[in-house]
Amino acid sequence: MQRSNAHVIVLGNEKGGSGKSTTAIHLAVHLLYEGFRVATIDADSRQHTLTTYVRNRREWSSAHGLSVPHSTHFHLPQGRGDSREKNADMEFEMFRQAVAEVERDVDYLIVDTPGFDTHLTRIAHSLADTLITPLNDSLIDLDVIAKVEPDSGTLIELGHYTRLVQRSRRERLAIDGRTIDWLMVRNRISTLNSRNTRLVRTGLENVADRVGCRVADGIAERVIFRSLFPIGMTVFDPLDEDALGGAPTMSHIGARQEYRLLLDALNLSGKRRSEAQPAQRGQRVLAGTV
């Protein structure tokens, strides 16, 4: 595939439940409020969590008369062909069409990938300008990134997902001579400085030194996200009862601050905002109904 003019942000990790979709929608909404043109692609044709979040947002805001921004969204449905190879070809073609439709019309293209290795996952990674890998702050989730010595966190060998990213970086370098800015984000961080937390942090820092990526603290375990998902709202939306369906809490305010710190760590401030572009309120769907 040819490179897009948009700045491509890919959410990737081969471990499910790490917070990819939640991070994707929050990043998209933040950029929309900043006045950027944003498109989102849900490449997880099985679980389509991001698409469900987007649908919830549309329905809640419409039912309650809320003026909130929406990204141009594409949902890639699962291929229903006679073979795995044919399904992969169908999904790739839908992905290609989605990128081609918006690549020159948006500032940011955010792609949420499935929690397993597919041909489409590898293609999406190779297109990334920025790759965000959320992972839960546990040794179980660290295993896809690297195997570490259990007493010291010393790197033993790189994990299969890290090797996938390395291949994607080589492919991207061959395409246009640029590399992928890879940020690993520690989510669900415990407030206790446990041995597990120290080992995960040390292990990720050792991986970062080896492969040339960055590590950032992400979002703590917060109940606020369980209430935001069904209504499609984010911590960047208005802090009022009409938008939230109830009064905001300290958890909501804390999560907003954590996401702001994460966004600062992405170093996206150099991206130019399109002139005279209001926050988007429309939505396009490549296939399926959102």
Protein backbone atom coordinates (compact mmCIF):
# COMPACT_ATOMS: atom_id res chain seq x y z
CA MET A 1 0.00 0.00 0.00
CA GLN A 2 1.09 3.58 -0.66
CA ARG A 3 1.68 5.90 2.26
CA SER A 4 -1.13 8.18 3.38
CA ASN A 5 -0.73 11.95 3.70
CA ALA A 6 -2.50 11.77 7.05
CA HIS A 7 -0.52 11.10 10.20
CA VAL A 8 -1.31 7.43 10.89
CA ILE A 9 -1.65 6.30 14.50
CA VAL A 10 -1.97 2.54 15.03
CA LEU A 11 -3.12 0.92 18.28
CA GLY A 12 -1.50 -2.48 18.43
CA ASN A 13 -0.87 -5.36 20.82
CA GLU A 14 -1.29 -9.11 20.47
CA LYS A 15 -2.81 -9.28 23.94
CA GLY A 16 -6.54 -8.68 24.29
CA GLY A 17 -8.07 -6.42 26.94
CA SER A 18 -5.13 -4.03 27.05
CA GLY A 19 -7.12 -0.86 26.36
CA LYS A 20 -6.45 -0.34 22.64
CA SER A 21 -10.02 0.63 21.70
CA THR A 22 -10.52 2.86 24.74
CA THR A 23 -7.26 4.66 23.98
CA ALA A 24 -8.21 4.97 20.29
CA ILE A 25 -11.57 6.67 20.97
CA HIS A 26 -10.09 9.00 23.58
CA LEU A 27 -7.28 10.02 21.27
CA ALA A 28 -9.72 10.61 18.40
CA VAL A 29 -12.09 12.73 20.50
CA HIS A 30 -9.24 14.79 21.96
CA LEU A 31 -7.90 15.58 18.47
CA LEU A 32 -11.41 16.46 17.25
CA TYR A 33 -11.85 18.95 20.08
CA GLU A 34 -8.48 20.43 19.08
CA GLY A 35 -9.92 21.13 15.62
CA PHE A 36 -8.19 18.38 13.66
CA ARG A 37 -9.89 16.24 11.02
CA VAL A 38 -9.88 12.64 12.23
CA ALA A 39 -10.79 9.29 10.71
CA THR A 40 -10.91 6.00 12.60
CA ILE A 41 -10.72 2.45 11.25
CA ASP A 42 -11.76 -0.58 13.26
CA ALA A 43 -9.63 -3.38 11.79
CA ASP A 44 -10.75 -5.88 14.43
CA SER A 45 -13.45 -7.57 12.38
CA ARG A 46 -14.26 -10.08 15.11
CA GLN A 47 -14.76 -8.04 18.27
CA HIS A 48 -15.22 -4.54 16.70
CA THR A 49 -15.06 -2.87 20.14
CA LEU A 50 -14.15 0.53 18.67
CA THR A 51 -17.13 0.37 16.31
CA THR A 52 -19.45 -0.42 19.22
CA TYR A 53 -18.02 2.55 21.13
CA VAL A 54 -18.57 4.82 18.10
CA ARG A 55 -22.14 3.54 17.67
CA ASN A 56 -22.89 4.10 21.36
CA ARG A 57 -21.57 7.65 21.05
CA ARG A 58 -23.78 8.43 18.06
CA GLU A 59 -26.90 6.99 19.62
CA TRP A 60 -26.42 8.59 23.06
CA SER A 61 -25.60 12.04 21.68
CA SER A 62 -28.56 11.90 19.27
CA ALA A 63 -31.00 10.76 21.96
CA HIS A 64 -29.86 13.49 24.39
CA GLY A 65 -29.32 16.33 21.90
CA LEU A 66 -25.58 16.57 22.66
CA SER A 67 -23.28 18.52 20.37
CA VAL A 68 -20.16 16.38 20.45
CA PRO A 69 -17.67 15.68 17.64
CA HIS A 70 -17.50 12.40 15.73
CA SER A 71 -14.73 10.93 13.63
CA THR A 72 -15.21 9.63 10.11
CA HIS A 73 -15.43 5.96 11.00
CA PHE A 74 -14.90 2.77 9.02
CA HIS A 75 -15.86 -0.69 10.22
CA LEU A 76 -14.23 -3.62 8.45
CA PRO A 77 -16.55 -6.64 8.75
CA GLN A 78 -15.16 -10.15 8.90
CA GLY A 79 -14.62 -11.85 5.55
CA ARG A 80 -17.17 -14.55 4.77
CA GLY A 81 -15.43 -16.25 1.86
CA ASP A 82 -14.79 -19.94 1.28
CA SER A 83 -11.17 -19.86 2.43
CA ARG A 84 -8.96 -18.09 4.94
CA GLU A 85 -6.85 -16.68 2.11
CA LYS A 86 -9.90 -15.25 0.34
CA ASN A 87 -11.15 -13.70 3.59
CA ALA A 88 -7.76 -12.08 4.17
CA ASP A 89 -7.83 -10.65 0.63
CA MET A 90 -11.34 -9.27 1.17
CA GLU A 91 -10.42 -7.62 4.47
CA PHE A 92 -7.26 -6.12 2.97
CA GLU A 93 -9.22 -4.65 0.06
CA MET A 94 -11.76 -3.05 2.41
CA PHE A 95 -8.92 -1.62 4.49
CA ARG A 96 -7.22 -0.27 1.35
CA GLN A 97 -10.45 1.41 0.25
CA ALA A 98 -10.95 3.00 3.65
CA VAL A 99 -7.44 4.45 3.69
CA ALA A 100 -7.75 5.67 0.10
CA GLU A 101 -11.05 7.41 0.82
CA VAL A 102 -9.74 9.61 3.62
CA GLU A 103 -5.94 9.76 3.27
CA ARG A 104 -5.90 13.23 1.73
CA ASP A 105 -8.85 14.66 3.65
CA VAL A 106 -7.90 14.14 7.30
CA ASP A 107 -5.05 15.17 9.56
CA TYR A 108 -5.03 11.97 11.60
CA LEU A 109 -6.00 8.41 10.75
CA ILE A 110 -6.35 6.17 13.84
CA VAL A 111 -6.39 2.40 13.30
CA ASP A 112 -7.46 -0.07 16.01
CA THR A 113 -6.03 -3.53 15.30
CA PRO A 114 -7.08 -6.97 16.59
CA GLY A 115 -5.32 -8.67 19.48
CA PHE A 116 -3.74 -11.32 17.27
CA ASP A 117 -1.36 -11.51 14.32
CA THR A 118 -3.00 -11.24 10.89
CA HIS A 119 -1.87 -10.10 7.46
CA LEU A 120 -3.99 -6.96 7.90
CA THR A 121 -2.42 -6.30 11.31
CA ARG A 122 1.05 -6.36 9.78
CA ILE A 123 0.03 -4.04 6.95
CA ALA A 124 -1.53 -1.56 9.37
CA HIS A 125 1.61 -1.56 11.50
CA SER A 126 3.85 -0.87 8.51
CA LEU A 127 1.75 2.23 7.67
CA ALA A 128 2.08 3.71 11.16
CA ASP A 129 3.77 7.01 11.87
CA THR A 130 3.01 6.50 15.55
CA LEU A 131 2.44 3.08 17.10
CA ILE A 132 0.81 2.92 20.54
CA THR A 133 0.97 -0.37 22.41
CA PRO A 134 -1.12 -0.33 25.59
CA LEU A 135 -0.47 -3.26 27.89
CA ASN A 136 -1.68 -4.14 31.33
CA ASP A 137 0.95 -3.70 33.99
CA SER A 138 1.54 -7.41 34.56
CA LEU A 139 4.17 -10.02 33.73
CA ILE A 140 1.52 -11.99 31.81
CA ASP A 141 0.97 -9.10 29.39
CA LEU A 142 4.70 -8.37 29.22
CA ASP A 143 5.27 -11.83 27.75
CA VAL A 144 4.19 -10.78 24.22
CA ILE A 145 6.75 -7.97 24.38
CA ALA A 146 9.66 -9.86 25.90
CA LYS A 147 10.70 -12.67 28.20
CA VAL A 148 12.52 -11.34 31.23
CA GLU A 149 14.45 -12.82 34.10
CA PRO A 150 11.88 -13.17 36.94
CA ASP A 151 14.13 -11.81 39.67
CA SER A 152 15.73 -8.82 38.01
CA GLY A 153 13.70 -8.00 34.89
CA THR A 154 16.78 -8.55 32.74
CA LEU A 155 15.85 -9.11 29.08
CA ILE A 156 16.15 -12.75 27.99
CA GLU A 157 14.63 -12.53 24.51
CA LEU A 158 12.24 -10.36 22.54
CA GLY A 159 8.60 -11.49 22.32
CA HIS A 160 6.72 -12.29 19.12
CA TYR A 161 4.87 -8.96 19.05
CA THR A 162 8.13 -7.01 19.36
CA ARG A 163 9.52 -8.99 16.44
CA LEU A 164 6.38 -8.13 14.45
CA VAL A 165 6.99 -4.42 15.13
CA GLN A 166 10.63 -4.76 14.12
CA ARG A 167 9.57 -6.25 10.78
CA SER A 168 7.03 -3.45 10.31
CA ARG A 169 9.71 -0.86 11.01
CA ARG A 170 11.98 -2.38 8.38
CA GLU A 171 9.12 -2.37 5.87
CA ARG A 172 8.28 1.25 6.66
CA LEU A 173 11.94 2.21 6.27
CA ALA A 174 11.97 0.56 2.85
CA ILE A 175 8.77 2.40 1.81
CA ASP A 176 9.79 5.99 2.52
CA GLY A 177 12.99 5.98 4.57
CA ARG A 178 11.18 6.84 7.82
CA THR A 179 10.76 4.90 11.02
CA ILE A 180 7.83 4.26 13.34
CA ASP A 181 7.65 6.12 16.65
CA TRP A 182 6.74 3.29 19.01
CA LEU A 183 5.30 4.12 22.42
CA MET A 184 4.57 1.32 24.90
CA VAL A 185 1.95 2.41 27.46
CA ARG A 186 1.60 0.78 30.87
CA ASN A 187 -2.11 0.60 31.71
CA ARG A 188 -3.96 -0.44 34.87
CA ILE A 189 -0.99 0.58 36.96
CA SER A 190 -1.32 -0.36 40.60
CA THR A 191 -1.02 2.38 43.19
CA LEU A 192 1.21 0.01 45.16
CA ASN A 193 4.87 -0.22 44.23
CA SER A 194 4.80 -4.00 44.03
CA ARG A 195 7.52 -6.36 42.87
CA ASN A 196 5.43 -7.15 39.78
CA THR A 197 5.19 -3.45 38.90
CA ARG A 198 8.94 -2.96 39.27
CA LEU A 199 9.70 -5.98 37.09
CA VAL A 200 7.33 -4.86 34.34
CA ARG A 201 8.78 -1.37 34.34
CA THR A 202 12.36 -2.66 34.28
CA GLY A 203 11.56 -5.19 31.57
CA LEU A 204 9.94 -2.58 29.31
CA GLU A 205 12.81 -0.16 29.83
CA ASN A 206 15.26 -2.89 28.82
CA VAL A 207 13.22 -3.61 25.68
CA ALA A 208 13.08 0.12 24.88
CA ASP A 209 16.86 0.35 25.14
CA ARG A 210 17.27 -2.66 22.85
CA VAL A 211 14.81 -1.75 20.06
CA GLY A 212 14.66 2.04 20.31
CA CYS A 213 11.15 2.80 21.52
CA ARG A 214 9.63 4.77 24.39
CA VAL A 215 7.70 3.84 27.53
CA ALA A 216 4.95 5.92 29.14
CA ASP A 217 2.57 5.52 32.05
CA GLY A 218 -1.02 5.23 30.93
CA ILE A 219 -4.32 4.83 32.75
CA ALA A 220 -4.94 3.30 36.15
CA GLU A 221 -7.73 0.79 36.73
CA ARG A 222 -10.80 3.04 36.94
CA VAL A 223 -14.49 2.17 37.12
CA ILE A 224 -15.34 5.32 35.15
CA PHE A 225 -14.60 3.55 31.85
CA ARG A 226 -17.27 0.94 32.52
CA SER A 227 -19.88 3.69 32.62
CA LEU A 228 -18.47 5.70 29.69
CA PHE A 229 -18.40 2.85 27.16
CA PRO A 230 -22.21 2.18 27.03
CA ILE A 231 -22.91 5.86 26.30
CA GLY A 232 -19.91 6.39 24.02
CA MET A 233 -18.59 9.34 25.98
CA THR A 234 -14.95 10.03 26.89
CA VAL A 235 -13.19 11.91 29.66
CA PHE A 236 -12.67 14.79 27.19
CA ASP A 237 -16.39 15.37 26.70
CA PRO A 238 -18.25 17.94 28.84
CA LEU A 239 -18.21 17.23 32.56
CA ASP A 240 -21.94 17.63 33.11
CA GLU A 241 -24.82 15.35 34.05
CA ASP A 242 -26.54 15.63 30.66
CA ALA A 243 -23.49 14.24 28.85
CA LEU A 244 -22.55 11.64 31.44
CA GLY A 245 -25.97 10.54 32.59
CA GLY A 246 -24.88 11.40 36.12
CA ALA A 247 -22.55 13.63 38.10
CA PRO A 248 -18.80 13.40 37.30
CA THR A 249 -16.59 11.76 39.89
CA MET A 250 -12.99 12.10 41.05
CA SER A 251 -12.27 8.98 39.01
CA HIS A 252 -13.43 10.85 35.90
CA ILE A 253 -11.22 13.85 36.65
CA GLY A 254 -8.22 11.65 37.45
CA ALA A 255 -8.63 9.70 34.21
CA ARG A 256 -8.78 12.93 32.21
CA GLN A 257 -5.48 14.08 33.70
CA GLU A 258 -3.85 10.71 33.00
CA TYR A 259 -4.95 10.80 29.37
CA ARG A 260 -3.65 14.35 29.00
CA LEU A 261 -0.24 13.23 30.25
CA LEU A 262 -0.32 10.30 27.82
CA LEU A 263 -1.19 12.60 24.92
CA ASP A 264 1.69 14.89 25.87
CA ALA A 265 4.00 11.85 25.69
CA LEU A 266 2.90 11.18 22.09
CA ASN A 267 4.59 14.40 20.91
CA LEU A 268 1.90 15.16 18.34
CA SER A 269 1.96 18.92 18.90
CA GLY A 270 4.06 19.48 15.78
CA LYS A 271 1.27 18.22 13.52
CA ARG A 272 -0.37 21.13 11.77
CA ARG A 273 -4.07 21.74 12.32
CA SER A 274 -6.08 22.18 9.14
CA GLU A 275 -7.15 25.77 8.61
CA ALA A 276 -10.77 26.67 9.31
CA GLN A 277 -11.80 23.12 10.07
CA PRO A 278 -14.56 22.73 12.66
CA ALA A 279 -14.85 19.59 14.76
CA GLN A 280 -16.36 16.80 12.66
CA ARG A 281 -19.86 15.65 13.32
CA GLY A 282 -20.42 13.26 10.43
CA GLN A 283 -19.51 9.65 9.92
CA ARG A 284 -18.85 7.37 7.00
CA VAL A 285 -19.05 3.61 7.06
CA LEU A 286 -17.22 1.42 4.55
CA ALA A 287 -19.21 -1.69 5.31
CA GLY A 288 -21.65 -2.83 7.94
CA THR A 289 -23.93 -0.57 9.95
CA VAL A 290 -22.60 1.69 12.67
